[in-house]
Each structure stands twice: as C-alpha cells, then as structure tokens.
Amino acid sequence: MRLILRWFVGLPIAVVVIAFVIANRQWTRLSLDPFSSTSPAFSIELPLWVLFIFGVFIGMLVGWSACWFAQGRYRKLARDRGREIAQLQAAAAQAKPADSDETGITPYLGLMP
C-alpha cells in the first residue's frame, strides 16, 4: 500500500521538479550586498533551479527544527513518565509476595481448587 501511495505522490512531484529544472536553466546572480548592484562585495552565479532547490531545503530544515523544539515538552514528559513507570515496576516487584504466581494473584486455599 505504501509503495503504491509513494508512486502516486512521488512520481508527479518528480515530474514537476524535473520540468522546473529543465525550464529554468538560465544563470542568475545571487548578491548579498544591498549597497552595490554593479559590483557587489559577495555574489555568486548559479542556475535558478539550484536557488529554488536550496530554498526548499532550507525551508524544510527550518520547519523540522521548529517542530522539534515545539515538541520538546512532550518528549520530556514521556521521559519523566518512563522513569516513573520503571520506579513503580521496581516497587511492585519488591512488594510482590513470595507465594504468588506470575499473574500477581495470591491463591486462597479455601475457595480455589
């Protein structure tokens, strides 16, 4: 099922990206100098599609890190609850009577066969 879904979603995206790359092969100057447009201090020339793909990649990284930081409190809560569960299980194992079976139910000899 996942393979079929991956093909139905991934193939159209791949076709659109390939068409975009082929249509935008012209070179573009990326300048980070706001004061001089004729001879900028730092500029680089590269194809327009590289700028687009790089922008999408940076956007994905920023979105991923924002989600990761936003969910930090839930990860902390899960760690704390995991420690609490381990402590409770250790306490329950110590308090377990010696004559009980694995289910934790102590048989009462007068009523059970």
N, C-alpha and C. Protein backbone atom coordinates (compact mmCIF):
# COMPACT_ATOMS: atom_id res chain seq x y z
N MET A 1 0.82 -1.19 0.00
CA MET A 1 0.00 0.00 0.00
C MET A 1 0.87 1.26 0.00
N ARG A 2 1.89 1.23 0.86
CA ARG A 2 2.78 2.40 0.90
C ARG A 2 3.53 2.60 -0.40
N LEU A 3 3.91 1.51 -1.03
CA LEU A 3 4.63 1.61 -2.29
C LEU A 3 3.75 2.25 -3.36
N ILE A 4 2.51 1.86 -3.42
CA ILE A 4 1.59 2.44 -4.39
C ILE A 4 1.37 3.92 -4.10
N LEU A 5 1.17 4.26 -2.83
CA LEU A 5 0.99 5.66 -2.45
C LEU A 5 2.24 6.48 -2.76
N ARG A 6 3.40 5.90 -2.52
CA ARG A 6 4.65 6.59 -2.81
C ARG A 6 4.78 6.89 -4.30
N TRP A 7 4.37 5.94 -5.13
CA TRP A 7 4.43 6.16 -6.57
C TRP A 7 3.42 7.21 -7.02
N PHE A 8 2.21 7.17 -6.46
CA PHE A 8 1.18 8.13 -6.86
C PHE A 8 1.51 9.55 -6.41
N VAL A 9 2.23 9.69 -5.33
CA VAL A 9 2.60 11.03 -4.84
C VAL A 9 3.97 11.42 -5.37
N GLY A 10 4.93 10.51 -5.31
CA GLY A 10 6.31 10.83 -5.67
C GLY A 10 6.52 11.06 -7.15
N LEU A 11 5.87 10.29 -7.99
CA LEU A 11 6.07 10.43 -9.44
C LEU A 11 5.62 11.79 -9.96
N PRO A 12 4.42 12.30 -9.62
CA PRO A 12 4.06 13.64 -10.09
C PRO A 12 4.99 14.73 -9.55
N ILE A 13 5.42 14.60 -8.31
CA ILE A 13 6.35 15.59 -7.76
C ILE A 13 7.67 15.56 -8.52
N ALA A 14 8.16 14.36 -8.81
CA ALA A 14 9.41 14.24 -9.56
C ALA A 14 9.27 14.82 -10.97
N VAL A 15 8.15 14.60 -11.61
CA VAL A 15 7.93 15.15 -12.95
C VAL A 15 7.90 16.68 -12.91
N VAL A 16 7.24 17.25 -11.92
CA VAL A 16 7.17 18.71 -11.80
C VAL A 16 8.56 19.29 -11.51
N VAL A 17 9.31 18.66 -10.64
CA VAL A 17 10.66 19.16 -10.33
C VAL A 17 11.56 19.07 -11.54
N ILE A 18 11.51 17.98 -12.28
CA ILE A 18 12.34 17.84 -13.49
C ILE A 18 11.94 18.86 -14.54
N ALA A 19 10.65 19.09 -14.71
CA ALA A 19 10.20 20.11 -15.66
C ALA A 19 10.67 21.50 -15.23
N PHE A 20 10.63 21.79 -13.94
CA PHE A 20 11.09 23.07 -13.43
C PHE A 20 12.59 23.25 -13.68
N VAL A 21 13.35 22.20 -13.44
CA VAL A 21 14.80 22.28 -13.65
C VAL A 21 15.12 22.52 -15.12
N ILE A 22 14.44 21.84 -16.02
CA ILE A 22 14.69 22.00 -17.44
C ILE A 22 14.28 23.39 -17.91
N ALA A 23 13.20 23.92 -17.39
CA ALA A 23 12.70 25.23 -17.83
C ALA A 23 13.51 26.39 -17.25
N ASN A 24 14.24 26.18 -16.16
CA ASN A 24 14.97 27.28 -15.50
C ASN A 24 16.46 27.00 -15.48
N ARG A 25 17.04 26.86 -16.66
CA ARG A 25 18.47 26.59 -16.74
C ARG A 25 19.31 27.85 -16.80
N GLN A 26 18.69 29.02 -16.94
CA GLN A 26 19.47 30.25 -17.07
C GLN A 26 20.20 30.57 -15.77
N TRP A 27 21.32 31.23 -15.91
CA TRP A 27 22.14 31.57 -14.75
C TRP A 27 21.64 32.85 -14.11
N THR A 28 21.70 32.89 -12.79
CA THR A 28 21.22 34.03 -12.02
C THR A 28 22.29 34.41 -11.02
N ARG A 29 22.42 35.72 -10.78
CA ARG A 29 23.40 36.19 -9.80
C ARG A 29 22.70 36.37 -8.46
N LEU A 30 23.25 35.72 -7.46
CA LEU A 30 22.79 35.87 -6.09
C LEU A 30 23.75 36.83 -5.41
N SER A 31 23.25 37.99 -5.01
CA SER A 31 24.09 39.02 -4.39
C SER A 31 23.60 39.28 -2.97
N LEU A 32 24.53 39.31 -2.04
CA LEU A 32 24.20 39.60 -0.66
C LEU A 32 24.68 40.98 -0.24
N ASP A 33 24.95 41.83 -1.22
CA ASP A 33 25.40 43.21 -0.96
C ASP A 33 24.26 44.16 -1.32
N PRO A 34 23.58 44.76 -0.33
CA PRO A 34 22.45 45.64 -0.65
C PRO A 34 22.87 47.03 -1.14
N PHE A 35 24.15 47.38 -1.08
CA PHE A 35 24.58 48.74 -1.41
C PHE A 35 25.11 48.89 -2.82
N SER A 36 25.63 47.84 -3.42
CA SER A 36 26.20 47.94 -4.75
C SER A 36 25.61 46.85 -5.64
N SER A 37 24.90 47.26 -6.68
CA SER A 37 24.32 46.27 -7.58
C SER A 37 25.23 45.99 -8.77
N THR A 38 26.15 46.91 -9.09
CA THR A 38 27.03 46.69 -10.23
C THR A 38 28.22 45.81 -9.88
N SER A 39 28.84 46.06 -8.73
CA SER A 39 29.97 45.21 -8.31
C SER A 39 29.80 44.87 -6.83
N PRO A 40 28.97 43.90 -6.54
CA PRO A 40 28.73 43.54 -5.14
C PRO A 40 29.96 42.91 -4.48
N ALA A 41 30.03 43.07 -3.16
CA ALA A 41 31.16 42.52 -2.41
C ALA A 41 31.11 41.00 -2.42
N PHE A 42 29.94 40.45 -2.29
CA PHE A 42 29.80 38.99 -2.32
C PHE A 42 28.65 38.63 -3.25
N SER A 43 28.96 37.92 -4.30
CA SER A 43 27.92 37.43 -5.20
C SER A 43 28.38 36.12 -5.80
N ILE A 44 27.41 35.36 -6.23
CA ILE A 44 27.70 34.07 -6.86
C ILE A 44 26.68 33.87 -7.97
N GLU A 45 27.14 33.28 -9.06
CA GLU A 45 26.24 32.99 -10.18
C GLU A 45 26.01 31.49 -10.24
N LEU A 46 24.75 31.13 -10.30
CA LEU A 46 24.37 29.73 -10.39
C LEU A 46 23.01 29.63 -11.05
N PRO A 47 22.65 28.43 -11.50
CA PRO A 47 21.35 28.27 -12.16
C PRO A 47 20.19 28.56 -11.19
N LEU A 48 19.11 29.04 -11.75
CA LEU A 48 17.95 29.41 -10.94
C LEU A 48 17.38 28.22 -10.20
N TRP A 49 17.40 27.05 -10.80
CA TRP A 49 16.83 25.87 -10.13
C TRP A 49 17.61 25.50 -8.89
N VAL A 50 18.92 25.78 -8.88
CA VAL A 50 19.72 25.49 -7.68
C VAL A 50 19.25 26.38 -6.53
N LEU A 51 18.98 27.65 -6.82
CA LEU A 51 18.47 28.55 -5.79
C LEU A 51 17.13 28.06 -5.25
N PHE A 52 16.27 27.62 -6.15
CA PHE A 52 14.96 27.13 -5.73
C PHE A 52 15.08 25.88 -4.85
N ILE A 53 15.85 24.91 -5.29
CA ILE A 53 16.01 23.67 -4.53
C ILE A 53 16.67 23.96 -3.18
N PHE A 54 17.65 24.85 -3.17
CA PHE A 54 18.31 25.23 -1.92
C PHE A 54 17.32 25.91 -0.98
N GLY A 55 16.45 26.76 -1.51
CA GLY A 55 15.44 27.42 -0.68
C GLY A 55 14.45 26.43 -0.09
N VAL A 56 14.04 25.45 -0.88
CA VAL A 56 13.13 24.42 -0.37
C VAL A 56 13.81 23.61 0.73
N PHE A 57 15.08 23.28 0.53
CA PHE A 57 15.83 22.51 1.52
C PHE A 57 15.96 23.29 2.83
N ILE A 58 16.30 24.57 2.74
CA ILE A 58 16.42 25.41 3.94
C ILE A 58 15.06 25.52 4.64
N GLY A 59 13.99 25.67 3.87
CA GLY A 59 12.65 25.73 4.45
C GLY A 59 12.28 24.45 5.19
N MET A 60 12.66 23.32 4.63
CA MET A 60 12.39 22.04 5.29
C MET A 60 13.18 21.93 6.59
N LEU A 61 14.43 22.37 6.58
CA LEU A 61 15.24 22.33 7.80
C LEU A 61 14.67 23.24 8.89
N VAL A 62 14.24 24.43 8.50
CA VAL A 62 13.66 25.36 9.48
C VAL A 62 12.36 24.80 10.04
N GLY A 63 11.51 24.23 9.20
CA GLY A 63 10.26 23.63 9.66
C GLY A 63 10.49 22.44 10.57
N TRP A 64 11.47 21.60 10.21
CA TRP A 64 11.78 20.44 11.04
C TRP A 64 12.27 20.88 12.42
N SER A 65 13.18 21.86 12.44
CA SER A 65 13.72 22.29 13.74
C SER A 65 12.64 22.98 14.57
N ALA A 66 11.75 23.74 13.95
CA ALA A 66 10.67 24.39 14.70
C ALA A 66 9.75 23.34 15.33
N CYS A 67 9.42 22.30 14.59
CA CYS A 67 8.58 21.21 15.14
C CYS A 67 9.32 20.49 16.26
N TRP A 68 10.61 20.24 16.07
CA TRP A 68 11.38 19.52 17.07
C TRP A 68 11.42 20.30 18.38
N PHE A 69 11.67 21.62 18.30
CA PHE A 69 11.70 22.43 19.52
C PHE A 69 10.31 22.57 20.14
N ALA A 70 9.28 22.66 19.33
CA ALA A 70 7.92 22.81 19.86
C ALA A 70 7.46 21.55 20.58
N GLN A 71 7.94 20.40 20.19
CA GLN A 71 7.52 19.14 20.81
C GLN A 71 8.45 18.70 21.93
N GLY A 72 9.37 19.54 22.32
CA GLY A 72 10.33 19.19 23.37
C GLY A 72 9.67 18.88 24.70
N ARG A 73 8.64 19.62 25.04
CA ARG A 73 7.99 19.38 26.33
C ARG A 73 7.31 18.02 26.37
N TYR A 74 6.83 17.55 25.22
CA TYR A 74 6.19 16.23 25.19
C TYR A 74 7.23 15.12 25.30
N ARG A 75 8.41 15.32 24.69
CA ARG A 75 9.47 14.34 24.85
C ARG A 75 9.93 14.28 26.30
N LYS A 76 10.03 15.44 26.96
CA LYS A 76 10.42 15.47 28.37
C LYS A 76 9.37 14.77 29.23
N LEU A 77 8.10 15.01 28.95
CA LEU A 77 7.03 14.35 29.69
C LEU A 77 7.09 12.83 29.51
N ALA A 78 7.36 12.38 28.29
CA ALA A 78 7.47 10.94 28.04
C ALA A 78 8.65 10.34 28.79
N ARG A 79 9.79 11.04 28.83
CA ARG A 79 10.93 10.54 29.60
C ARG A 79 10.60 10.46 31.08
N ASP A 80 9.97 11.51 31.62
CA ASP A 80 9.61 11.52 33.04
C ASP A 80 8.64 10.39 33.37
N ARG A 81 7.66 10.19 32.52
CA ARG A 81 6.68 9.11 32.77
C ARG A 81 7.33 7.74 32.63
N GLY A 82 8.29 7.60 31.74
CA GLY A 82 9.01 6.34 31.61
C GLY A 82 9.80 6.02 32.87
N ARG A 83 10.45 7.05 33.43
CA ARG A 83 11.17 6.85 34.69
C ARG A 83 10.21 6.48 35.82
N GLU A 84 9.06 7.15 35.85
CA GLU A 84 8.06 6.87 36.89
C GLU A 84 7.54 5.44 36.76
N ILE A 85 7.30 4.99 35.55
CA ILE A 85 6.83 3.61 35.33
C ILE A 85 7.89 2.62 35.80
N ALA A 86 9.16 2.90 35.47
CA ALA A 86 10.23 1.99 35.90
C ALA A 86 10.31 1.93 37.42
N GLN A 87 10.16 3.07 38.09
CA GLN A 87 10.20 3.08 39.55
C GLN A 87 9.01 2.31 40.14
N LEU A 88 7.83 2.50 39.57
CA LEU A 88 6.66 1.78 40.07
C LEU A 88 6.76 0.29 39.84
N GLN A 89 7.33 -0.12 38.71
CA GLN A 89 7.51 -1.55 38.45
C GLN A 89 8.52 -2.15 39.42
N ALA A 90 9.58 -1.39 39.71
CA ALA A 90 10.57 -1.89 40.68
C ALA A 90 9.95 -2.01 42.06
N ALA A 91 9.14 -1.03 42.44
CA ALA A 91 8.48 -1.09 43.75
C ALA A 91 7.48 -2.24 43.80
N ALA A 92 6.77 -2.49 42.72
CA ALA A 92 5.81 -3.59 42.68
C ALA A 92 6.52 -4.93 42.73
N ALA A 93 7.69 -5.04 42.12
CA ALA A 93 8.44 -6.29 42.15
C ALA A 93 8.96 -6.58 43.56
N GLN A 94 9.31 -5.54 44.28
CA GLN A 94 9.79 -5.73 45.65
C GLN A 94 8.64 -6.09 46.59
N ALA A 95 7.47 -5.54 46.36
CA ALA A 95 6.33 -5.76 47.25
C ALA A 95 5.58 -7.03 46.93
N LYS A 96 5.98 -7.76 45.92
CA LYS A 96 5.28 -8.97 45.49
C LYS A 96 5.51 -10.08 46.51
N PRO A 97 4.44 -10.73 47.00
CA PRO A 97 4.62 -11.82 47.96
C PRO A 97 5.29 -13.02 47.31
N ALA A 98 6.00 -13.80 48.09
CA ALA A 98 6.78 -14.92 47.57
C ALA A 98 5.89 -16.06 47.08
N ASP A 99 4.70 -16.26 47.65
CA ASP A 99 3.87 -17.40 47.27
C ASP A 99 2.87 -17.09 46.16
N SER A 100 2.96 -15.95 45.53
CA SER A 100 2.01 -15.62 44.47
C SER A 100 2.52 -16.15 43.14
N ASP A 101 1.61 -16.35 42.20
CA ASP A 101 2.02 -16.82 40.89
C ASP A 101 2.40 -15.61 40.01
N GLU A 102 2.64 -15.84 38.72
CA GLU A 102 3.11 -14.80 37.82
C GLU A 102 2.07 -13.71 37.54
N THR A 103 0.80 -14.01 37.71
CA THR A 103 -0.23 -13.01 37.45
C THR A 103 -0.38 -12.03 38.58
N GLY A 104 0.24 -12.29 39.70
CA GLY A 104 0.14 -11.39 40.84
C GLY A 104 -1.05 -11.70 41.72
N ILE A 105 -1.76 -12.78 41.43
CA ILE A 105 -2.93 -13.15 42.21
C ILE A 105 -2.50 -14.21 43.21
N THR A 106 -2.73 -13.97 44.47
CA THR A 106 -2.39 -14.94 45.51
C THR A 106 -3.56 -15.90 45.68
N PRO A 107 -3.33 -17.20 45.54
CA PRO A 107 -4.43 -18.16 45.66
C PRO A 107 -4.91 -18.25 47.11
N TYR A 108 -6.19 -18.33 47.26
CA TYR A 108 -6.80 -18.50 48.57
C TYR A 108 -7.21 -19.98 48.67
N LEU A 109 -6.56 -20.72 49.51
CA LEU A 109 -6.70 -22.17 49.50
C LEU A 109 -8.09 -22.67 49.88
N GLY A 110 -8.85 -21.91 50.60
CA GLY A 110 -10.16 -22.37 51.00
C GLY A 110 -11.18 -22.31 49.90
N LEU A 111 -11.01 -21.46 48.86
CA LEU A 111 -12.01 -21.29 47.84
C LEU A 111 -11.59 -21.81 46.47
N MET A 112 -10.34 -21.90 46.20
CA MET A 112 -9.89 -22.30 44.85
C MET A 112 -9.43 -23.74 44.85
N PRO A 113 -9.77 -24.50 43.83
CA PRO A 113 -9.34 -25.92 43.77
C PRO A 113 -7.86 -26.05 43.54
